[in-house]
Amino acid sequence: MKKQLRGGRINRINPIIQQIISNELLRNSDPILNKSTITYVNTSPDLKRTTVFVSTIDKNKNQLLRSLDKNRLKIQKELASELTTKFIPKIQFELDTTFNHVDKINKIIDRIND
């Protein structure tokens, strides 16, 4: 019998949470949330909390965080209605800064190649 890797359950739940929250953001009437993208979800092993990393093409990232905080309970309720686990994780939103680092690296590479 093959031993299951640690975190197997969380690796199955994270994409489900990402899909549920992404659908809720698309259905939301706030245009700022409609333009955002869930890039990564990290759920704790006890399913008590989940960190959702969000990215957007807009420059006003503070407004995105305010809109997410304002709609957190609505998103939390939708997650609770669709997720079939014993515990429903508390959602925490964070901005994903990965693309900022990629842009900096690309600029450095362009300077080196010139």
PDB file of N, CA and C in Angstrom:
ATOM      1  N   MET A   1       0.828  -1.169   0.000  1.00  0.00           N
ATOM      2  CA  MET A   1       0.000   0.000   0.000  1.00  0.00           C
ATOM      3  C   MET A   1       0.882   1.245   0.000  1.00  0.00           C
ATOM      4  N   LYS A   2       0.591   2.188  -0.880  1.00  0.00           N
ATOM      5  CA  LYS A   2       1.405   3.395  -0.996  1.00  0.00           C
ATOM      6  C   LYS A   2       1.035   4.396   0.090  1.00  0.00           C
ATOM      7  N   LYS A   3       2.051   4.947   0.746  1.00  0.00           N
ATOM      8  CA  LYS A   3       1.828   5.922   1.802  1.00  0.00           C
ATOM      9  C   LYS A   3       1.416   7.256   1.180  1.00  0.00           C
ATOM     10  N   GLN A   4       0.334   7.854   1.716  1.00  0.00           N
ATOM     11  CA  GLN A   4      -0.143   9.132   1.193  1.00  0.00           C
ATOM     12  C   GLN A   4       0.780  10.247   1.671  1.00  0.00           C
ATOM     13  N   LEU A   5       1.075  11.173   0.782  1.00  0.00           N
ATOM     14  CA  LEU A   5       1.909  12.299   1.136  1.00  0.00           C
ATOM     15  C   LEU A   5       1.182  13.211   2.105  1.00  0.00           C
ATOM     16  N   ARG A   6       1.933  13.861   2.965  1.00  0.00           N
ATOM     17  CA  ARG A   6       1.354  14.779   3.942  1.00  0.00           C
ATOM     18  C   ARG A   6       0.676  15.934   3.218  1.00  0.00           C
ATOM     19  N   GLY A   7      -0.466  16.321   3.711  1.00  0.00           N
ATOM     20  CA  GLY A   7      -1.178  17.447   3.128  1.00  0.00           C
ATOM     21  C   GLY A   7      -2.082  17.065   1.984  1.00  0.00           C
ATOM     22  N   GLY A   8      -2.384  15.799   1.807  1.00  0.00           N
ATOM     23  CA  GLY A   8      -3.220  15.369   0.692  1.00  0.00           C
ATOM     24  C   GLY A   8      -4.605  15.967   0.720  1.00  0.00           C
ATOM     25  N   ARG A   9      -5.202  16.014   1.904  1.00  0.00           N
ATOM     26  CA  ARG A   9      -6.546  16.574   2.023  1.00  0.00           C
ATOM     27  C   ARG A   9      -6.544  18.062   1.711  1.00  0.00           C
ATOM     28  N   ILE A  10      -5.569  18.765   2.224  1.00  0.00           N
ATOM     29  CA  ILE A  10      -5.479  20.210   1.975  1.00  0.00           C
ATOM     30  C   ILE A  10      -5.224  20.472   0.495  1.00  0.00           C
ATOM     31  N   ASN A  11      -4.411  19.629  -0.136  1.00  0.00           N
ATOM     32  CA  ASN A  11      -4.153  19.796  -1.570  1.00  0.00           C
ATOM     33  C   ASN A  11      -5.403  19.573  -2.407  1.00  0.00           C
ATOM     34  N   ARG A  12      -6.357  18.832  -1.901  1.00  0.00           N
ATOM     35  CA  ARG A  12      -7.631  18.648  -2.608  1.00  0.00           C
ATOM     36  C   ARG A  12      -8.620  19.767  -2.296  1.00  0.00           C
ATOM     37  N   ILE A  13      -8.560  20.312  -1.089  1.00  0.00           N
ATOM     38  CA  ILE A  13      -9.521  21.333  -0.671  1.00  0.00           C
ATOM     39  C   ILE A  13      -9.169  22.717  -1.206  1.00  0.00           C
ATOM     40  N   ASN A  14      -7.884  23.044  -1.290  1.00  0.00           N
ATOM     41  CA  ASN A  14      -7.478  24.379  -1.757  1.00  0.00           C
ATOM     42  C   ASN A  14      -8.061  24.748  -3.120  1.00  0.00           C
ATOM     43  N   PRO A  15      -8.003  23.885  -4.142  1.00  0.00           N
ATOM     44  CA  PRO A  15      -8.608  24.258  -5.436  1.00  0.00           C
ATOM     45  C   PRO A  15     -10.127  24.422  -5.368  1.00  0.00           C
ATOM     46  N   ILE A  16     -10.772  23.667  -4.485  1.00  0.00           N
ATOM     47  CA  ILE A  16     -12.223  23.809  -4.337  1.00  0.00           C
ATOM     48  C   ILE A  16     -12.555  25.172  -3.743  1.00  0.00           C
ATOM     49  N   ILE A  17     -11.810  25.555  -2.708  1.00  0.00           N
ATOM     50  CA  ILE A  17     -12.014  26.872  -2.098  1.00  0.00           C
ATOM     51  C   ILE A  17     -11.731  27.973  -3.112  1.00  0.00           C
ATOM     52  N   GLN A  18     -10.670  27.811  -3.888  1.00  0.00           N
ATOM     53  CA  GLN A  18     -10.323  28.802  -4.907  1.00  0.00           C
ATOM     54  C   GLN A  18     -11.453  28.952  -5.926  1.00  0.00           C
ATOM     55  N   GLN A  19     -12.030  27.865  -6.353  1.00  0.00           N
ATOM     56  CA  GLN A  19     -13.112  27.905  -7.337  1.00  0.00           C
ATOM     57  C   GLN A  19     -14.359  28.583  -6.775  1.00  0.00           C
ATOM     58  N   ILE A  20     -14.721  28.252  -5.543  1.00  0.00           N
ATOM     59  CA  ILE A  20     -15.908  28.833  -4.918  1.00  0.00           C
ATOM     60  C   ILE A  20     -15.749  30.344  -4.764  1.00  0.00           C
ATOM     61  N   ILE A  21     -14.595  30.778  -4.268  1.00  0.00           N
ATOM     62  CA  ILE A  21     -14.375  32.211  -4.056  1.00  0.00           C
ATOM     63  C   ILE A  21     -14.274  32.937  -5.390  1.00  0.00           C
ATOM     64  N   SER A  22     -13.635  32.338  -6.381  1.00  0.00           N
ATOM     65  CA  SER A  22     -13.540  32.965  -7.710  1.00  0.00           C
ATOM     66  C   SER A  22     -14.920  33.171  -8.313  1.00  0.00           C
ATOM     67  N   ASN A  23     -15.772  32.183  -8.204  1.00  0.00           N
ATOM     68  CA  ASN A  23     -17.137  32.324  -8.721  1.00  0.00           C
ATOM     69  C   ASN A  23     -17.893  33.422  -7.992  1.00  0.00           C
ATOM     70  N   GLU A  24     -17.690  33.516  -6.695  1.00  0.00           N
ATOM     71  CA  GLU A  24     -18.374  34.550  -5.914  1.00  0.00           C
ATOM     72  C   GLU A  24     -17.876  35.942  -6.296  1.00  0.00           C
ATOM     73  N   LEU A  25     -16.588  36.077  -6.575  1.00  0.00           N
ATOM     74  CA  LEU A  25     -16.060  37.373  -7.002  1.00  0.00           C
ATOM     75  C   LEU A  25     -16.609  37.770  -8.365  1.00  0.00           C
ATOM     76  N   LEU A  26     -16.769  36.803  -9.254  1.00  0.00           N
ATOM     77  CA  LEU A  26     -17.330  37.100 -10.577  1.00  0.00           C
ATOM     78  C   LEU A  26     -18.797  37.496 -10.504  1.00  0.00           C
ATOM     79  N   ARG A  27     -19.530  36.899  -9.571  1.00  0.00           N
ATOM     80  CA  ARG A  27     -20.957  37.212  -9.432  1.00  0.00           C
ATOM     81  C   ARG A  27     -21.206  38.508  -8.676  1.00  0.00           C
ATOM     82  N   ASN A  28     -20.192  39.023  -8.018  1.00  0.00           N
ATOM     83  CA  ASN A  28     -20.349  40.214  -7.193  1.00  0.00           C
ATOM     84  C   ASN A  28     -20.624  41.438  -8.063  1.00  0.00           C
ATOM     85  N   SER A  29     -21.379  42.376  -7.519  1.00  0.00           N
ATOM     86  CA  SER A  29     -21.728  43.580  -8.274  1.00  0.00           C
ATOM     87  C   SER A  29     -20.618  44.627  -8.250  1.00  0.00           C
ATOM     88  N   ASP A  30     -19.622  44.437  -7.410  1.00  0.00           N
ATOM     89  CA  ASP A  30     -18.510  45.387  -7.312  1.00  0.00           C
ATOM     90  C   ASP A  30     -17.545  45.173  -8.484  1.00  0.00           C
ATOM     91  N   PRO A  31     -17.370  46.174  -9.362  1.00  0.00           N
ATOM     92  CA  PRO A  31     -16.493  45.989 -10.532  1.00  0.00           C
ATOM     93  C   PRO A  31     -15.026  45.770 -10.170  1.00  0.00           C
ATOM     94  N   ILE A  32     -14.617  46.235  -9.017  1.00  0.00           N
ATOM     95  CA  ILE A  32     -13.228  46.023  -8.592  1.00  0.00           C
ATOM     96  C   ILE A  32     -12.989  44.536  -8.344  1.00  0.00           C
ATOM     97  N   LEU A  33     -13.958  43.875  -7.732  1.00  0.00           N
ATOM     98  CA  LEU A  33     -13.814  42.447  -7.457  1.00  0.00           C
ATOM     99  C   LEU A  33     -13.924  41.619  -8.727  1.00  0.00           C
ATOM    100  N   ASN A  34     -14.686  42.110  -9.702  1.00  0.00           N
ATOM    101  CA  ASN A  34     -14.815  41.392 -10.970  1.00  0.00           C
ATOM    102  C   ASN A  34     -13.490  41.336 -11.726  1.00  0.00           C
ATOM    103  N   LYS A  35     -12.624  42.308 -11.507  1.00  0.00           N
ATOM    104  CA  LYS A  35     -11.332  42.372 -12.210  1.00  0.00           C
ATOM    105  C   LYS A  35     -10.215  41.646 -11.465  1.00  0.00           C
ATOM    106  N   SER A  36     -10.526  41.120 -10.291  1.00  0.00           N
ATOM    107  CA  SER A  36      -9.483  40.470  -9.497  1.00  0.00           C
ATOM    108  C   SER A  36      -9.393  38.983  -9.814  1.00  0.00           C
ATOM    109  N   THR A  37      -8.255  38.412  -9.470  1.00  0.00           N
ATOM    110  CA  THR A  37      -7.986  37.004  -9.722  1.00  0.00           C
ATOM    111  C   THR A  37      -7.420  36.360  -8.466  1.00  0.00           C
ATOM    112  N   ILE A  38      -7.924  35.185  -8.153  1.00  0.00           N
ATOM    113  CA  ILE A  38      -7.374  34.407  -7.039  1.00  0.00           C
ATOM    114  C   ILE A  38      -6.163  33.661  -7.587  1.00  0.00           C
ATOM    115  N   THR A  39      -4.984  33.963  -7.061  1.00  0.00           N
ATOM    116  CA  THR A  39      -3.776  33.336  -7.579  1.00  0.00           C
ATOM    117  C   THR A  39      -3.364  32.105  -6.772  1.00  0.00           C
ATOM    118  N   TYR A  40      -3.694  32.094  -5.483  1.00  0.00           N
ATOM    119  CA  TYR A  40      -3.255  30.983  -4.644  1.00  0.00           C
ATOM    120  C   TYR A  40      -4.112  30.939  -3.392  1.00  0.00           C
ATOM    121  N   VAL A  41      -4.366  29.751  -2.886  1.00  0.00           N
ATOM    122  CA  VAL A  41      -5.100  29.557  -1.636  1.00  0.00           C
ATOM    123  C   VAL A  41      -4.256  28.672  -0.734  1.00  0.00           C
ATOM    124  N   ASN A  42      -4.103  29.087   0.513  1.00  0.00           N
ATOM    125  CA  ASN A  42      -3.330  28.325   1.486  1.00  0.00           C
ATOM    126  C   ASN A  42      -4.201  28.097   2.721  1.00  0.00           C
ATOM    127  N   THR A  43      -4.629  26.871   2.934  1.00  0.00           N
ATOM    128  CA  THR A  43      -5.509  26.528   4.045  1.00  0.00           C
ATOM    129  C   THR A  43      -4.714  25.810   5.128  1.00  0.00           C
ATOM    130  N   SER A  44      -5.011  26.135   6.376  1.00  0.00           N
ATOM    131  CA  SER A  44      -4.319  25.479   7.487  1.00  0.00           C
ATOM    132  C   SER A  44      -4.756  24.016   7.575  1.00  0.00           C
ATOM    133  N   PRO A  45      -3.903  23.144   8.102  1.00  0.00           N
ATOM    134  CA  PRO A  45      -4.238  21.716   8.170  1.00  0.00           C
ATOM    135  C   PRO A  45      -5.492  21.409   8.987  1.00  0.00           C
ATOM    136  N   ASP A  46      -5.828  22.254   9.966  1.00  0.00           N
ATOM    137  CA  ASP A  46      -7.024  22.011  10.777  1.00  0.00           C
ATOM    138  C   ASP A  46      -8.279  22.642  10.167  1.00  0.00           C
ATOM    139  N   LEU A  47      -8.166  23.243   8.991  1.00  0.00           N
ATOM    140  CA  LEU A  47      -9.274  23.879   8.264  1.00  0.00           C
ATOM    141  C   LEU A  47      -9.916  25.031   9.028  1.00  0.00           C
ATOM    142  N   LYS A  48      -9.177  25.662   9.920  1.00  0.00           N
ATOM    143  CA  LYS A  48      -9.730  26.780  10.692  1.00  0.00           C
ATOM    144  C   LYS A  48      -9.579  28.112   9.957  1.00  0.00           C
ATOM    145  N   ARG A  49      -8.564  28.231   9.110  1.00  0.00           N
ATOM    146  CA  ARG A  49      -8.357  29.493   8.384  1.00  0.00           C
ATOM    147  C   ARG A  49      -7.733  29.215   7.026  1.00  0.00           C
ATOM    148  N   THR A  50      -8.019  30.120   6.122  1.00  0.00           N
ATOM    149  CA  THR A  50      -7.442  30.029   4.784  1.00  0.00           C
ATOM    150  C   THR A  50      -7.005  31.415   4.339  1.00  0.00           C
ATOM    151  N   THR A  51      -5.835  31.491   3.753  1.00  0.00           N
ATOM    152  CA  THR A  51      -5.332  32.739   3.215  1.00  0.00           C
ATOM    153  C   THR A  51      -5.507  32.694   1.707  1.00  0.00           C
ATOM    154  N   VAL A  52      -6.194  33.703   1.187  1.00  0.00           N
ATOM    155  CA  VAL A  52      -6.484  33.783  -0.238  1.00  0.00           C
ATOM    156  C   VAL A  52      -5.652  34.919  -0.811  1.00  0.00           C
ATOM    157  N   PHE A  53      -4.768  34.589  -1.747  1.00  0.00           N
ATOM    158  CA  PHE A  53      -3.927  35.588  -2.387  1.00  0.00           C
ATOM    159  C   PHE A  53      -4.626  36.078  -3.645  1.00  0.00           C
ATOM    160  N   VAL A  54      -4.770  37.399  -3.732  1.00  0.00           N
ATOM    161  CA  VAL A  54      -5.541  38.021  -4.800  1.00  0.00           C
ATOM    162  C   VAL A  54      -4.645  38.964  -5.587  1.00  0.00           C
ATOM    163  N   SER A  55      -4.853  38.971  -6.892  1.00  0.00           N
ATOM    164  CA  SER A  55      -4.118  39.862  -7.777  1.00  0.00           C
ATOM    165  C   SER A  55      -5.117  40.616  -8.654  1.00  0.00           C
ATOM    166  N   THR A  56      -4.706  41.770  -9.132  1.00  0.00           N
ATOM    167  CA  THR A  56      -5.566  42.552 -10.011  1.00  0.00           C
ATOM    168  C   THR A  56      -4.721  43.300 -11.028  1.00  0.00           C
ATOM    169  N   ILE A  57      -5.360  43.653 -12.139  1.00  0.00           N
ATOM    170  CA  ILE A  57      -4.656  44.433 -13.157  1.00  0.00           C
ATOM    171  C   ILE A  57      -4.740  45.926 -12.856  1.00  0.00           C
ATOM    172  N   ASP A  58      -5.659  46.313 -11.980  1.00  0.00           N
ATOM    173  CA  ASP A  58      -5.781  47.716 -11.595  1.00  0.00           C
ATOM    174  C   ASP A  58      -4.629  48.117 -10.691  1.00  0.00           C
ATOM    175  N   LYS A  59      -4.337  49.398 -10.670  1.00  0.00           N
ATOM    176  CA  LYS A  59      -3.239  49.898  -9.841  1.00  0.00           C
ATOM    177  C   LYS A  59      -3.670  50.172  -8.405  1.00  0.00           C
ATOM    178  N   ASN A  60      -4.971  50.372  -8.163  1.00  0.00           N
ATOM    179  CA  ASN A  60      -5.446  50.719  -6.835  1.00  0.00           C
ATOM    180  C   ASN A  60      -5.686  49.466  -6.003  1.00  0.00           C
ATOM    181  N   LYS A  61      -4.640  48.978  -5.392  1.00  0.00           N
ATOM    182  CA  LYS A  61      -4.716  47.730  -4.636  1.00  0.00           C
ATOM    183  C   LYS A  61      -5.367  47.930  -3.274  1.00  0.00           C
ATOM    184  N   ASN A  62      -5.258  49.129  -2.698  1.00  0.00           N
ATOM    185  CA  ASN A  62      -5.905  49.390  -1.406  1.00  0.00           C
ATOM    186  C   ASN A  62      -7.422  49.336  -1.535  1.00  0.00           C
ATOM    187  N   GLN A  63      -7.929  49.824  -2.634  1.00  0.00           N
ATOM    188  CA  GLN A  63      -9.371  49.774  -2.869  1.00  0.00           C
ATOM    189  C   GLN A  63      -9.839  48.323  -3.022  1.00  0.00           C
ATOM    190  N   LEU A  64      -9.023  47.490  -3.639  1.00  0.00           N
ATOM    191  CA  LEU A  64      -9.351  46.070  -3.766  1.00  0.00           C
ATOM    192  C   LEU A  64      -9.448  45.424  -2.385  1.00  0.00           C
ATOM    193  N   LEU A  65      -8.479  45.707  -1.506  1.00  0.00           N
ATOM    194  CA  LEU A  65      -8.521  45.136  -0.159  1.00  0.00           C
ATOM    195  C   LEU A  65      -9.735  45.622   0.623  1.00  0.00           C
ATOM    196  N   ARG A  66     -10.094  46.892   0.462  1.00  0.00           N
ATOM    197  CA  ARG A  66     -11.292  47.410   1.138  1.00  0.00           C
ATOM    198  C   ARG A  66     -12.547  46.704   0.639  1.00  0.00           C
ATOM    199  N   SER A  67     -12.638  46.493  -0.672  1.00  0.00           N
ATOM    200  CA  SER A  67     -13.804  45.809  -1.238  1.00  0.00           C
ATOM    201  C   SER A  67     -13.869  44.361  -0.778  1.00  0.00           C
ATOM    202  N   LEU A  68     -12.723  43.700  -0.702  1.00  0.00           N
ATOM    203  CA  LEU A  68     -12.696  42.322  -0.220  1.00  0.00           C
ATOM    204  C   LEU A  68     -13.118  42.239   1.241  1.00  0.00           C
ATOM    205  N   ASP A  69     -12.634  43.167   2.050  1.00  0.00           N
ATOM    206  CA  ASP A  69     -13.018  43.182   3.463  1.00  0.00           C
ATOM    207  C   ASP A  69     -14.512  43.464   3.625  1.00  0.00           C
ATOM    208  N   LYS A  70     -15.034  44.352   2.792  1.00  0.00           N
ATOM    209  CA  LYS A  70     -16.454  44.697   2.863  1.00  0.00           C
ATOM    210  C   LYS A  70     -17.336  43.503   2.492  1.00  0.00           C
ATOM    211  N   ASN A  71     -16.878  42.677   1.562  1.00  0.00           N
ATOM    212  CA  ASN A  71     -17.652  41.529   1.079  1.00  0.00           C
ATOM    213  C   ASN A  71     -17.233  40.202   1.710  1.00  0.00           C
ATOM    214  N   ARG A  72     -16.387  40.243   2.711  1.00  0.00           N
ATOM    215  CA  ARG A  72     -15.854  39.022   3.317  1.00  0.00           C
ATOM    216  C   ARG A  72     -16.959  38.120   3.864  1.00  0.00           C
ATOM    217  N   LEU A  73     -17.926  38.672   4.581  1.00  0.00           N
ATOM    218  CA  LEU A  73     -18.984  37.845   5.171  1.00  0.00           C
ATOM    219  C   LEU A  73     -19.843  37.179   4.103  1.00  0.00           C
ATOM    220  N   LYS A  74     -20.133  37.902   3.042  1.00  0.00           N
ATOM    221  CA  LYS A  74     -20.921  37.327   1.948  1.00  0.00           C
ATOM    222  C   LYS A  74     -20.163  36.160   1.302  1.00  0.00           C
ATOM    223  N   ILE A  75     -18.869  36.349   1.080  1.00  0.00           N
ATOM    224  CA  ILE A  75     -18.038  35.303   0.491  1.00  0.00           C
ATOM    225  C   ILE A  75     -17.923  34.121   1.467  1.00  0.00           C
ATOM    226  N   GLN A  76     -17.790  34.432   2.754  1.00  0.00           N
ATOM    227  CA  GLN A  76     -17.688  33.392   3.784  1.00  0.00           C
ATOM    228  C   GLN A  76     -18.965  32.546   3.822  1.00  0.00           C
ATOM    229  N   LYS A  77     -20.119  33.189   3.711  1.00  0.00           N
ATOM    230  CA  LYS A  77     -21.392  32.460   3.717  1.00  0.00           C
ATOM    231  C   LYS A  77     -21.519  31.559   2.494  1.00  0.00           C
ATOM    232  N   GLU A  78     -21.087  32.045   1.343  1.00  0.00           N
ATOM    233  CA  GLU A  78     -21.135  31.221   0.126  1.00  0.00           C
ATOM    234  C   GLU A  78     -20.207  30.024   0.263  1.00  0.00           C
ATOM    235  N   LEU A  79     -19.045  30.237   0.846  1.00  0.00           N
ATOM    236  CA  LEU A  79     -18.103  29.133   1.072  1.00  0.00           C
ATOM    237  C   LEU A  79     -18.729  28.104   2.016  1.00  0.00           C
ATOM    238  N   ALA A  80     -19.405  28.578   3.055  1.00  0.00           N
ATOM    239  CA  ALA A  80     -20.039  27.673   4.008  1.00  0.00           C
ATOM    240  C   ALA A  80     -21.173  26.867   3.374  1.00  0.00           C
ATOM    241  N   SER A  81     -21.876  27.467   2.426  1.00  0.00           N
ATOM    242  CA  SER A  81     -22.985  26.748   1.809  1.00  0.00           C
ATOM    243  C   SER A  81     -22.523  25.705   0.791  1.00  0.00           C
ATOM    244  N   GLU A  82     -21.352  25.900   0.196  1.00  0.00           N
ATOM    245  CA  GLU A  82     -20.887  24.977  -0.850  1.00  0.00           C
ATOM    246  C   GLU A  82     -19.849  23.970  -0.376  1.00  0.00           C
ATOM    247  N   LEU A  83     -19.116  24.299   0.672  1.00  0.00           N
ATOM    248  CA  LEU A  83     -18.062  23.406   1.156  1.00  0.00           C
ATOM    249  C   LEU A  83     -18.665  22.394   2.130  1.00  0.00           C
ATOM    250  N   THR A  84     -18.322  21.148   1.947  1.00  0.00           N
ATOM    251  CA  THR A  84     -18.926  20.086   2.763  1.00  0.00           C
ATOM    252  C   THR A  84     -17.913  19.487   3.729  1.00  0.00           C
ATOM    253  N   THR A  85     -17.262  20.341   4.498  1.00  0.00           N
ATOM    254  CA  THR A  85     -16.310  19.885   5.501  1.00  0.00           C
ATOM    255  C   THR A  85     -16.855  20.203   6.890  1.00  0.00           C
ATOM    256  N   LYS A  86     -16.278  19.578   7.900  1.00  0.00           N
ATOM    257  CA  LYS A  86     -16.734  19.797   9.269  1.00  0.00           C
ATOM    258  C   LYS A  86     -16.530  21.242   9.685  1.00  0.00           C
ATOM    259  N   PHE A  87     -15.384  21.794   9.343  1.00  0.00           N
ATOM    260  CA  PHE A  87     -15.073  23.185   9.663  1.00  0.00           C
ATOM    261  C   PHE A  87     -15.046  23.994   8.379  1.00  0.00           C
ATOM    262  N   ILE A  88     -15.508  25.224   8.476  1.00  0.00           N
ATOM    263  CA  ILE A  88     -15.420  26.164   7.360  1.00  0.00           C
ATOM    264  C   ILE A  88     -14.317  27.148   7.713  1.00  0.00           C
ATOM    265  N   PRO A  89     -13.269  27.215   6.906  1.00  0.00           N
ATOM    266  CA  PRO A  89     -12.145  28.083   7.263  1.00  0.00           C
ATOM    267  C   PRO A  89     -12.513  29.566   7.204  1.00  0.00           C
ATOM    268  N   LYS A  90     -11.955  30.327   8.130  1.00  0.00           N
ATOM    269  CA  LYS A  90     -12.122  31.776   8.129  1.00  0.00           C
ATOM    270  C   LYS A  90     -11.207  32.343   7.040  1.00  0.00           C
ATOM    271  N   ILE A  91     -11.772  33.192   6.198  1.00  0.00           N
ATOM    272  CA  ILE A  91     -11.034  33.712   5.048  1.00  0.00           C
ATOM    273  C   ILE A  91     -10.230  34.939   5.444  1.00  0.00           C
ATOM    274  N   GLN A  92      -8.984  34.968   4.981  1.00  0.00           N
ATOM    275  CA  GLN A  92      -8.123  36.136   5.118  1.00  0.00           C
ATOM    276  C   GLN A  92      -7.583  36.450   3.730  1.00  0.00           C
ATOM    277  N   PHE A  93      -7.753  37.685   3.281  1.00  0.00           N
ATOM    278  CA  PHE A  93      -7.286  38.081   1.954  1.00  0.00           C
ATOM    279  C   PHE A  93      -5.951  38.797   2.059  1.00  0.00           C
ATOM    280  N   GLU A  94      -5.061  38.485   1.108  1.00  0.00           N
ATOM    281  CA  GLU A  94      -3.775  39.172   0.989  1.00  0.00           C
ATOM    282  C   GLU A  94      -3.502  39.446  -0.480  1.00  0.00           C
ATOM    283  N   LEU A  95      -2.786  40.531  -0.730  1.00  0.00           N
ATOM    284  CA  LEU A  95      -2.410  40.848  -2.110  1.00  0.00           C
ATOM    285  C   LEU A  95      -1.239  39.975  -2.527  1.00  0.00           C
ATOM    286  N   ASP A  96      -1.310  39.465  -3.725  1.00  0.00           N
ATOM    287  CA  ASP A  96      -0.226  38.660  -4.276  1.00  0.00           C
ATOM    288  C   ASP A  96       0.736  39.599  -4.996  1.00  0.00           C
ATOM    289  N   THR A  97       1.951  39.664  -4.522  1.00  0.00           N
ATOM    290  CA  THR A  97       2.941  40.584  -5.090  1.00  0.00           C
ATOM    291  C   THR A  97       3.906  39.884  -6.039  1.00  0.00           C
ATOM    292  N   THR A  98       3.598  38.678  -6.422  1.00  0.00           N
ATOM    293  CA  THR A  98       4.478  37.917  -7.300  1.00  0.00           C
ATOM    294  C   THR A  98       4.728  38.634  -8.613  1.00  0.00           C
ATOM    295  N   PHE A  99       3.671  39.204  -9.188  1.00  0.00           N
ATOM    296  CA  PHE A  99       3.819  39.852 -10.485  1.00  0.00           C
ATOM    297  C   PHE A  99       4.672  41.112 -10.405  1.00  0.00           C
ATOM    298  N   ASN A 100       4.698  41.766  -9.254  1.00  0.00           N
ATOM    299  CA  ASN A 100       5.582  42.916  -9.070  1.00  0.00           C
ATOM    300  C   ASN A 100       7.039  42.477  -9.144  1.00  0.00           C
ATOM    301  N   HIS A 101       7.338  41.331  -8.539  1.00  0.00           N
ATOM    302  CA  HIS A 101       8.709  40.827  -8.573  1.00  0.00           C
ATOM    303  C   HIS A 101       9.089  40.394  -9.983  1.00  0.00           C
ATOM    304  N   VAL A 102       8.171  39.799 -10.692  1.00  0.00           N
ATOM    305  CA  VAL A 102       8.438  39.386 -12.075  1.00  0.00           C
ATOM    306  C   VAL A 102       8.748  40.600 -12.933  1.00  0.00           C
ATOM    307  N   ASP A 103       7.992  41.661 -12.741  1.00  0.00           N
ATOM    308  CA  ASP A 103       8.217  42.887 -13.513  1.00  0.00           C
ATOM    309  C   ASP A 103       9.601  43.470 -13.217  1.00  0.00           C
ATOM    310  N   LYS A 104      10.004  43.479 -11.951  1.00  0.00           N
ATOM    311  CA  LYS A 104      11.334  43.976 -11.577  1.00  0.00           C
ATOM    312  C   LYS A 104      12.435  43.128 -12.212  1.00  0.00           C
ATOM    313  N   ILE A 105      12.258  41.812 -12.177  1.00  0.00           N
ATOM    314  CA  ILE A 105      13.258  40.914 -12.762  1.00  0.00           C
ATOM    315  C   ILE A 105      13.361  41.128 -14.268  1.00  0.00           C
ATOM    316  N   ASN A 106      12.218  41.285 -14.935  1.00  0.00           N
ATOM    317  CA  ASN A 106      12.233  41.535 -16.379  1.00  0.00           C
ATOM    318  C   ASN A 106      12.934  42.846 -16.719  1.00  0.00           C
ATOM    319  N   LYS A 107      12.757  43.869 -15.917  1.00  0.00           N
ATOM    320  CA  LYS A 107      13.432  45.149 -16.146  1.00  0.00           C
ATOM    321  C   LYS A 107      14.939  45.002 -15.979  1.00  0.00           C
ATOM    322  N   ILE A 108      15.359  44.241 -14.978  1.00  0.00           N
ATOM    323  CA  ILE A 108      16.791  44.022 -14.751  1.00  0.00           C
ATOM    324  C   ILE A 108      17.389  43.239 -15.937  1.00  0.00           C
ATOM    325  N   ILE A 109      16.685  42.225 -16.390  1.00  0.00           N
ATOM    326  CA  ILE A 109      17.175  41.435 -17.534  1.00  0.00           C
ATOM    327  C   ILE A 109      17.254  42.307 -18.784  1.00  0.00           C
ATOM    328  N   ASP A 110      16.283  43.169 -18.984  1.00  0.00           N
ATOM    329  CA  ASP A 110      16.309  44.072 -20.147  1.00  0.00           C
ATOM    330  C   ASP A 110      17.512  45.021 -20.072  1.00  0.00           C
ATOM    331  N   ARG A 111      17.839  45.522 -18.858  1.00  0.00           N
ATOM    332  CA  ARG A 111      18.991  46.402 -18.715  1.00  0.00           C
ATOM    333  C   ARG A 111      20.296  45.664 -18.998  1.00  0.00           C
ATOM    334  N   ILE A 112      20.360  44.402 -18.584  1.00  0.00           N
ATOM    335  CA  ILE A 112      21.575  43.610 -18.793  1.00  0.00           C
ATOM    336  C   ILE A 112      21.759  43.332 -20.295  1.00  0.00           C
ATOM    337  N   ASN A 113      20.666  43.054 -20.993  1.00  0.00           N
ATOM    338  CA  ASN A 113      20.738  42.723 -22.415  1.00  0.00           C
ATOM    339  C   ASN A 113      21.012  43.935 -23.306  1.00  0.00           C
ATOM    340  N   ASP A 114      20.807  45.131 -22.788  1.00  0.00           N
ATOM    341  CA  ASP A 114      21.055  46.340 -23.608  1.00  0.00           C
ATOM    342  C   ASP A 114      22.477  46.692 -23.726  1.00  0.00           C
TER     343      ASP A 114
END
